[in-house]
Every structure is written in C-alpha cells, then in structure tokens.
Amino acid sequence: MDPLTRHVMLFNQGVRTGDFGPWLETFAEDAVATFTGVPLGPFAGRDEIAKAYAEHPPSSTMRVVAVLPAEPDGYAARFAWDDAPDTGGVFAFRLRDDRLVSLDVTLDAAPPPPATPENAGAPPA
C-alpha cells in the first residue's frame, strides 16, 4: 500500500475507533507536526504528537479529493472532512526510512465539532 493511502486509512481508523496507535506507529520518534488554521502545535516527537491527538481527537474521517505535487520523499493531498464535505484542507508529509518525519496540516476552516446527542445527524455549522 502506498504511504498516502496508508496515512489516510490509519487516520480514519483512529477517528472511528478512538485508537490512533496504529497511525502513530508510522511516525518516526523525532517527527514534527504543525497545524495552520487551528490553534494547536507545533508538536515535536511522536509522544507529543500522540498526546495532542489524545487531548484533541479529530471528530471526522477524511477523504482525499486531490493528490498534490510534493517533494521526492513526500506526499501531499487536498482533503475534505466526511462530516463537513465543504471544508477540509491540505496535508503534506515527508518520510525517512518509511517513517513519517514531518506532518503539515493547513485547514480551510475549523474542523467539524465532535458528535454529541444534541447534534448527532445535524448538518455541520
């Protein structure tokens, strides 16, 4: 499986199950994650990234809407949130020895809110 497909599949699995462990295992120990469009990070190291995702778990799975040009050791894609398909952003990551060493996420808007009994089934704001 190519790294881009693996990244999205394991991320979505983490959103659905609440267990981001398999996705985080693809990160190098010294990985860095940065975010634009949301007041989080940057996070340095897999443990810090894991803590950030445990404290601020994404509320929606995503789908790739376009693969973008990237550096030879990297991947980039435009994505849309499944729970708010008119929003999303761009993610880019670089690999070293098949491990993710940097993840840059730029959001077009705030991600969809977590589902609650009050908003379950409601359209995103």
N, C-alpha and C. Protein backbone atom coordinates (compact mmCIF):
# COMPACT_ATOMS: atom_id res chain seq x y z
N MET A 1 0.85 -1.17 0.00
CA MET A 1 0.00 0.00 0.00
C MET A 1 0.91 1.24 0.00
N ASP A 2 0.55 2.21 -0.81
CA ASP A 2 1.38 3.42 -0.87
C ASP A 2 1.21 4.24 0.42
N PRO A 3 2.21 5.04 0.77
CA PRO A 3 2.17 5.78 2.04
C PRO A 3 0.98 6.74 2.18
N LEU A 4 0.54 7.36 1.10
CA LEU A 4 -0.59 8.28 1.18
C LEU A 4 -1.87 7.53 1.56
N THR A 5 -2.12 6.42 0.91
CA THR A 5 -3.29 5.60 1.21
C THR A 5 -3.22 5.08 2.64
N ARG A 6 -2.04 4.62 3.05
CA ARG A 6 -1.85 4.11 4.41
C ARG A 6 -2.13 5.20 5.43
N HIS A 7 -1.63 6.41 5.18
CA HIS A 7 -1.82 7.53 6.10
C HIS A 7 -3.30 7.81 6.32
N VAL A 8 -4.05 7.94 5.24
CA VAL A 8 -5.48 8.25 5.33
C VAL A 8 -6.24 7.09 5.97
N MET A 9 -5.95 5.87 5.57
CA MET A 9 -6.65 4.71 6.11
C MET A 9 -6.46 4.59 7.62
N LEU A 10 -5.21 4.73 8.09
CA LEU A 10 -4.94 4.59 9.52
C LEU A 10 -5.48 5.78 10.31
N PHE A 11 -5.43 6.99 9.73
CA PHE A 11 -6.03 8.16 10.39
C PHE A 11 -7.53 7.92 10.57
N ASN A 12 -8.21 7.53 9.50
CA ASN A 12 -9.66 7.31 9.58
C ASN A 12 -10.01 6.19 10.56
N GLN A 13 -9.19 5.16 10.59
CA GLN A 13 -9.39 4.08 11.56
C GLN A 13 -9.29 4.64 12.98
N GLY A 14 -8.33 5.53 13.22
CA GLY A 14 -8.18 6.15 14.53
C GLY A 14 -9.38 6.99 14.91
N VAL A 15 -9.93 7.73 13.95
CA VAL A 15 -11.12 8.54 14.22
C VAL A 15 -12.29 7.62 14.59
N ARG A 16 -12.48 6.56 13.82
CA ARG A 16 -13.62 5.66 14.06
C ARG A 16 -13.51 4.90 15.37
N THR A 17 -12.30 4.49 15.74
CA THR A 17 -12.12 3.64 16.93
C THR A 17 -11.66 4.40 18.16
N GLY A 18 -11.11 5.60 17.97
CA GLY A 18 -10.52 6.33 19.08
C GLY A 18 -9.12 5.87 19.41
N ASP A 19 -8.59 4.91 18.65
CA ASP A 19 -7.24 4.39 18.87
C ASP A 19 -6.35 4.83 17.71
N PHE A 20 -5.54 5.86 17.95
CA PHE A 20 -4.63 6.36 16.92
C PHE A 20 -3.28 5.64 16.93
N GLY A 21 -3.13 4.62 17.79
CA GLY A 21 -1.87 3.91 17.91
C GLY A 21 -1.29 3.40 16.60
N PRO A 22 -2.06 2.67 15.78
CA PRO A 22 -1.51 2.17 14.51
C PRO A 22 -1.06 3.31 13.58
N TRP A 23 -1.80 4.41 13.56
CA TRP A 23 -1.41 5.58 12.74
C TRP A 23 -0.14 6.21 13.31
N LEU A 24 -0.09 6.37 14.62
CA LEU A 24 1.08 7.00 15.24
C LEU A 24 2.34 6.14 15.10
N GLU A 25 2.18 4.83 14.98
CA GLU A 25 3.34 3.95 14.78
C GLU A 25 4.05 4.22 13.46
N THR A 26 3.37 4.89 12.52
CA THR A 26 4.02 5.21 11.25
C THR A 26 4.91 6.44 11.36
N PHE A 27 4.86 7.15 12.50
CA PHE A 27 5.68 8.34 12.74
C PHE A 27 7.04 7.94 13.29
N ALA A 28 8.09 8.64 12.89
CA ALA A 28 9.41 8.48 13.48
C ALA A 28 9.38 9.07 14.90
N GLU A 29 10.26 8.62 15.75
CA GLU A 29 10.34 9.14 17.12
C GLU A 29 10.53 10.65 17.14
N ASP A 30 11.28 11.19 16.17
CA ASP A 30 11.57 12.63 16.14
C ASP A 30 10.68 13.41 15.18
N ALA A 31 9.53 12.87 14.85
CA ALA A 31 8.61 13.54 13.92
C ALA A 31 8.14 14.88 14.48
N VAL A 32 7.75 15.76 13.57
CA VAL A 32 7.21 17.07 13.93
C VAL A 32 5.88 17.24 13.21
N ALA A 33 4.89 17.76 13.93
CA ALA A 33 3.58 18.03 13.34
C ALA A 33 3.24 19.50 13.54
N THR A 34 2.85 20.18 12.46
CA THR A 34 2.46 21.58 12.53
C THR A 34 1.07 21.73 11.94
N PHE A 35 0.35 22.73 12.44
CA PHE A 35 -1.02 22.98 12.02
C PHE A 35 -1.21 24.46 11.75
N THR A 36 -1.91 24.77 10.68
CA THR A 36 -2.29 26.13 10.35
C THR A 36 -3.82 26.15 10.25
N GLY A 37 -4.44 27.16 10.86
CA GLY A 37 -5.89 27.26 10.82
C GLY A 37 -6.56 26.73 12.06
N VAL A 38 -5.79 26.24 13.00
CA VAL A 38 -6.30 25.76 14.28
C VAL A 38 -5.21 26.05 15.31
N PRO A 39 -5.57 26.52 16.51
CA PRO A 39 -4.55 26.91 17.49
C PRO A 39 -3.94 25.71 18.22
N LEU A 40 -3.20 24.89 17.50
CA LEU A 40 -2.52 23.73 18.06
C LEU A 40 -1.09 23.66 17.54
N GLY A 41 -0.21 23.17 18.39
CA GLY A 41 1.15 22.88 17.97
C GLY A 41 2.01 24.10 17.80
N PRO A 42 3.19 23.86 17.27
CA PRO A 42 3.70 22.60 16.71
C PRO A 42 4.03 21.59 17.81
N PHE A 43 4.11 20.33 17.38
CA PHE A 43 4.40 19.23 18.29
C PHE A 43 5.66 18.53 17.80
N ALA A 44 6.59 18.30 18.72
CA ALA A 44 7.86 17.67 18.37
C ALA A 44 7.97 16.31 19.06
N GLY A 45 8.16 15.29 18.28
CA GLY A 45 8.30 13.94 18.80
C GLY A 45 6.98 13.19 18.77
N ARG A 46 7.09 11.89 18.53
CA ARG A 46 5.89 11.05 18.43
C ARG A 46 5.07 11.08 19.72
N ASP A 47 5.73 11.10 20.88
CA ASP A 47 4.98 11.12 22.14
C ASP A 47 4.15 12.40 22.28
N GLU A 48 4.72 13.54 21.90
CA GLU A 48 4.00 14.80 21.98
C GLU A 48 2.84 14.83 20.97
N ILE A 49 3.07 14.29 19.79
CA ILE A 49 2.01 14.21 18.78
C ILE A 49 0.89 13.30 19.28
N ALA A 50 1.24 12.17 19.88
CA ALA A 50 0.25 11.25 20.42
C ALA A 50 -0.57 11.93 21.52
N LYS A 51 0.07 12.67 22.38
CA LYS A 51 -0.63 13.39 23.45
C LYS A 51 -1.61 14.41 22.86
N ALA A 52 -1.17 15.13 21.83
CA ALA A 52 -2.04 16.13 21.18
C ALA A 52 -3.28 15.46 20.59
N TYR A 53 -3.13 14.33 19.93
CA TYR A 53 -4.28 13.65 19.34
C TYR A 53 -5.17 13.01 20.41
N ALA A 54 -4.59 12.63 21.55
CA ALA A 54 -5.40 12.11 22.65
C ALA A 54 -6.23 13.22 23.28
N GLU A 55 -5.64 14.42 23.40
CA GLU A 55 -6.33 15.55 24.04
C GLU A 55 -7.28 16.27 23.08
N HIS A 56 -6.99 16.22 21.79
CA HIS A 56 -7.79 16.92 20.77
C HIS A 56 -8.06 15.99 19.60
N PRO A 57 -8.80 14.91 19.82
CA PRO A 57 -9.01 13.96 18.73
C PRO A 57 -9.86 14.56 17.60
N PRO A 58 -9.51 14.27 16.37
CA PRO A 58 -10.34 14.73 15.25
C PRO A 58 -11.74 14.11 15.37
N SER A 59 -12.74 14.84 14.90
CA SER A 59 -14.11 14.38 15.05
C SER A 59 -14.68 13.78 13.77
N SER A 60 -13.93 13.84 12.68
CA SER A 60 -14.44 13.32 11.40
C SER A 60 -13.34 12.60 10.65
N THR A 61 -13.75 11.58 9.94
CA THR A 61 -12.84 10.96 8.98
C THR A 61 -12.68 11.91 7.80
N MET A 62 -11.72 11.61 6.95
CA MET A 62 -11.46 12.47 5.79
C MET A 62 -11.35 11.63 4.54
N ARG A 63 -11.42 12.32 3.41
CA ARG A 63 -11.19 11.66 2.13
C ARG A 63 -10.33 12.59 1.29
N VAL A 64 -9.45 11.99 0.51
CA VAL A 64 -8.59 12.75 -0.39
C VAL A 64 -9.41 13.17 -1.60
N VAL A 65 -9.35 14.46 -1.92
CA VAL A 65 -10.05 14.95 -3.11
C VAL A 65 -9.08 15.26 -4.24
N ALA A 66 -7.79 15.42 -3.92
CA ALA A 66 -6.78 15.64 -4.96
C ALA A 66 -5.40 15.36 -4.39
N VAL A 67 -4.61 14.62 -5.14
CA VAL A 67 -3.21 14.42 -4.78
C VAL A 67 -2.43 15.58 -5.38
N LEU A 68 -1.55 16.17 -4.58
CA LEU A 68 -0.80 17.36 -4.99
C LEU A 68 0.67 17.03 -5.20
N PRO A 69 1.36 17.84 -5.99
CA PRO A 69 2.81 17.64 -6.16
C PRO A 69 3.51 17.78 -4.81
N ALA A 70 4.54 16.99 -4.62
CA ALA A 70 5.29 17.01 -3.37
C ALA A 70 6.76 16.76 -3.64
N GLU A 71 7.57 16.96 -2.60
CA GLU A 71 9.00 16.67 -2.70
C GLU A 71 9.20 15.18 -2.97
N PRO A 72 10.38 14.78 -3.46
CA PRO A 72 10.61 13.36 -3.78
C PRO A 72 10.36 12.41 -2.60
N ASP A 73 10.63 12.85 -1.37
CA ASP A 73 10.43 11.98 -0.21
C ASP A 73 9.12 12.32 0.52
N GLY A 74 8.21 13.01 -0.18
CA GLY A 74 7.00 13.45 0.49
C GLY A 74 5.74 13.19 -0.29
N TYR A 75 4.63 13.49 0.37
CA TYR A 75 3.30 13.30 -0.19
C TYR A 75 2.45 14.49 0.25
N ALA A 76 1.52 14.89 -0.59
CA ALA A 76 0.62 15.99 -0.25
C ALA A 76 -0.73 15.73 -0.90
N ALA A 77 -1.78 16.17 -0.21
CA ALA A 77 -3.12 15.98 -0.74
C ALA A 77 -4.06 17.03 -0.17
N ARG A 78 -5.04 17.38 -0.98
CA ARG A 78 -6.18 18.18 -0.51
C ARG A 78 -7.20 17.17 -0.01
N PHE A 79 -7.82 17.46 1.13
CA PHE A 79 -8.80 16.56 1.70
C PHE A 79 -10.07 17.30 2.07
N ALA A 80 -11.13 16.54 2.25
CA ALA A 80 -12.40 17.05 2.76
C ALA A 80 -12.81 16.18 3.93
N TRP A 81 -13.41 16.83 4.94
CA TRP A 81 -13.95 16.08 6.07
C TRP A 81 -15.22 15.35 5.61
N ASP A 82 -15.38 14.11 5.98
CA ASP A 82 -16.58 13.35 5.62
C ASP A 82 -17.83 13.94 6.28
N ASP A 83 -17.68 14.47 7.50
CA ASP A 83 -18.83 15.05 8.21
C ASP A 83 -19.11 16.50 7.83
N ALA A 84 -18.24 17.12 7.06
CA ALA A 84 -18.41 18.50 6.61
C ALA A 84 -17.71 18.63 5.26
N PRO A 85 -18.28 18.03 4.21
CA PRO A 85 -17.58 17.90 2.93
C PRO A 85 -17.23 19.20 2.23
N ASP A 86 -17.78 20.32 2.68
CA ASP A 86 -17.40 21.60 2.07
C ASP A 86 -16.17 22.21 2.74
N THR A 87 -15.64 21.54 3.76
CA THR A 87 -14.44 22.03 4.44
C THR A 87 -13.38 20.93 4.42
N GLY A 88 -12.20 21.32 4.73
CA GLY A 88 -11.08 20.38 4.75
C GLY A 88 -9.79 21.16 4.78
N GLY A 89 -8.88 20.81 3.90
CA GLY A 89 -7.60 21.48 3.87
C GLY A 89 -6.60 20.70 3.06
N VAL A 90 -5.34 20.90 3.43
CA VAL A 90 -4.23 20.23 2.75
C VAL A 90 -3.34 19.63 3.82
N PHE A 91 -2.90 18.40 3.60
CA PHE A 91 -1.86 17.84 4.46
C PHE A 91 -0.69 17.44 3.58
N ALA A 92 0.49 17.56 4.17
CA ALA A 92 1.72 17.15 3.49
C ALA A 92 2.59 16.45 4.52
N PHE A 93 3.25 15.39 4.09
CA PHE A 93 4.18 14.73 5.00
C PHE A 93 5.39 14.24 4.23
N ARG A 94 6.48 14.11 4.99
CA ARG A 94 7.73 13.60 4.44
C ARG A 94 8.08 12.31 5.18
N LEU A 95 8.76 11.43 4.45
CA LEU A 95 9.17 10.15 5.01
C LEU A 95 10.69 10.04 5.07
N ARG A 96 11.14 9.27 6.04
CA ARG A 96 12.53 8.83 6.13
C ARG A 96 12.47 7.37 6.55
N ASP A 97 13.03 6.51 5.71
CA ASP A 97 13.00 5.07 6.00
C ASP A 97 11.58 4.57 6.27
N ASP A 98 10.63 5.03 5.45
CA ASP A 98 9.23 4.64 5.52
C ASP A 98 8.53 5.11 6.80
N ARG A 99 9.15 6.04 7.53
CA ARG A 99 8.54 6.62 8.73
C ARG A 99 8.26 8.09 8.46
N LEU A 100 7.12 8.56 8.93
CA LEU A 100 6.74 9.95 8.76
C LEU A 100 7.60 10.82 9.68
N VAL A 101 8.29 11.81 9.11
CA VAL A 101 9.14 12.69 9.91
C VAL A 101 8.58 14.09 10.05
N SER A 102 7.69 14.48 9.14
CA SER A 102 7.02 15.78 9.30
C SER A 102 5.61 15.68 8.73
N LEU A 103 4.69 16.31 9.44
CA LEU A 103 3.31 16.40 9.00
C LEU A 103 2.90 17.85 9.12
N ASP A 104 2.47 18.43 8.02
CA ASP A 104 1.99 19.81 8.00
C ASP A 104 0.54 19.78 7.54
N VAL A 105 -0.35 20.32 8.37
CA VAL A 105 -1.78 20.34 8.06
C VAL A 105 -2.24 21.79 8.03
N THR A 106 -2.86 22.17 6.93
CA THR A 106 -3.44 23.50 6.79
C THR A 106 -4.94 23.33 6.59
N LEU A 107 -5.72 23.86 7.54
CA LEU A 107 -7.17 23.72 7.48
C LEU A 107 -7.78 24.95 6.83
N ASP A 108 -8.78 24.72 5.99
CA ASP A 108 -9.53 25.83 5.36
C ASP A 108 -10.44 26.51 6.37
N ALA A 109 -10.93 25.76 7.33
CA ALA A 109 -11.84 26.25 8.37
C ALA A 109 -11.71 25.31 9.56
N ALA A 110 -12.31 25.69 10.65
CA ALA A 110 -12.28 24.81 11.83
C ALA A 110 -12.88 23.46 11.46
N PRO A 111 -12.32 22.38 12.00
CA PRO A 111 -12.88 21.06 11.71
C PRO A 111 -14.28 20.93 12.29
N PRO A 112 -15.05 19.95 11.81
CA PRO A 112 -16.40 19.77 12.34
C PRO A 112 -16.35 19.48 13.84
N PRO A 113 -17.39 19.91 14.58
CA PRO A 113 -17.40 19.64 16.03
C PRO A 113 -17.62 18.16 16.29
N PRO A 114 -17.18 17.69 17.46
CA PRO A 114 -17.45 16.29 17.81
C PRO A 114 -18.95 16.03 17.86
N ALA A 115 -19.33 14.82 17.50
CA ALA A 115 -20.75 14.45 17.56
C ALA A 115 -21.18 14.35 19.02
N THR A 116 -22.34 14.89 19.30
CA THR A 116 -22.94 14.78 20.63
C THR A 116 -24.40 14.36 20.40
N PRO A 117 -25.09 13.91 21.45
CA PRO A 117 -26.50 13.57 21.25
C PRO A 117 -27.31 14.76 20.71
N GLU A 118 -26.89 15.97 21.08
CA GLU A 118 -27.63 17.16 20.63
C GLU A 118 -27.45 17.44 19.14
N ASN A 119 -26.25 17.14 18.59
CA ASN A 119 -26.03 17.48 17.17
C ASN A 119 -25.88 16.25 16.29
N ALA A 120 -26.08 15.06 16.82
CA ALA A 120 -25.97 13.85 16.00
C ALA A 120 -26.96 13.94 14.84
N GLY A 121 -26.46 13.77 13.66
CA GLY A 121 -27.29 13.82 12.47
C GLY A 121 -27.56 15.22 11.96
N ALA A 122 -27.15 16.23 12.73
CA ALA A 122 -27.38 17.61 12.29
C ALA A 122 -26.32 18.00 11.27
N PRO A 123 -26.66 18.85 10.31
CA PRO A 123 -25.66 19.29 9.35
C PRO A 123 -24.60 20.14 10.05
N PRO A 124 -23.36 20.12 9.55
CA PRO A 124 -22.32 20.93 10.18
C PRO A 124 -22.66 22.42 10.09
N ALA A 125 -22.24 23.15 11.10
CA ALA A 125 -22.50 24.60 11.15
C ALA A 125 -21.68 25.33 10.10
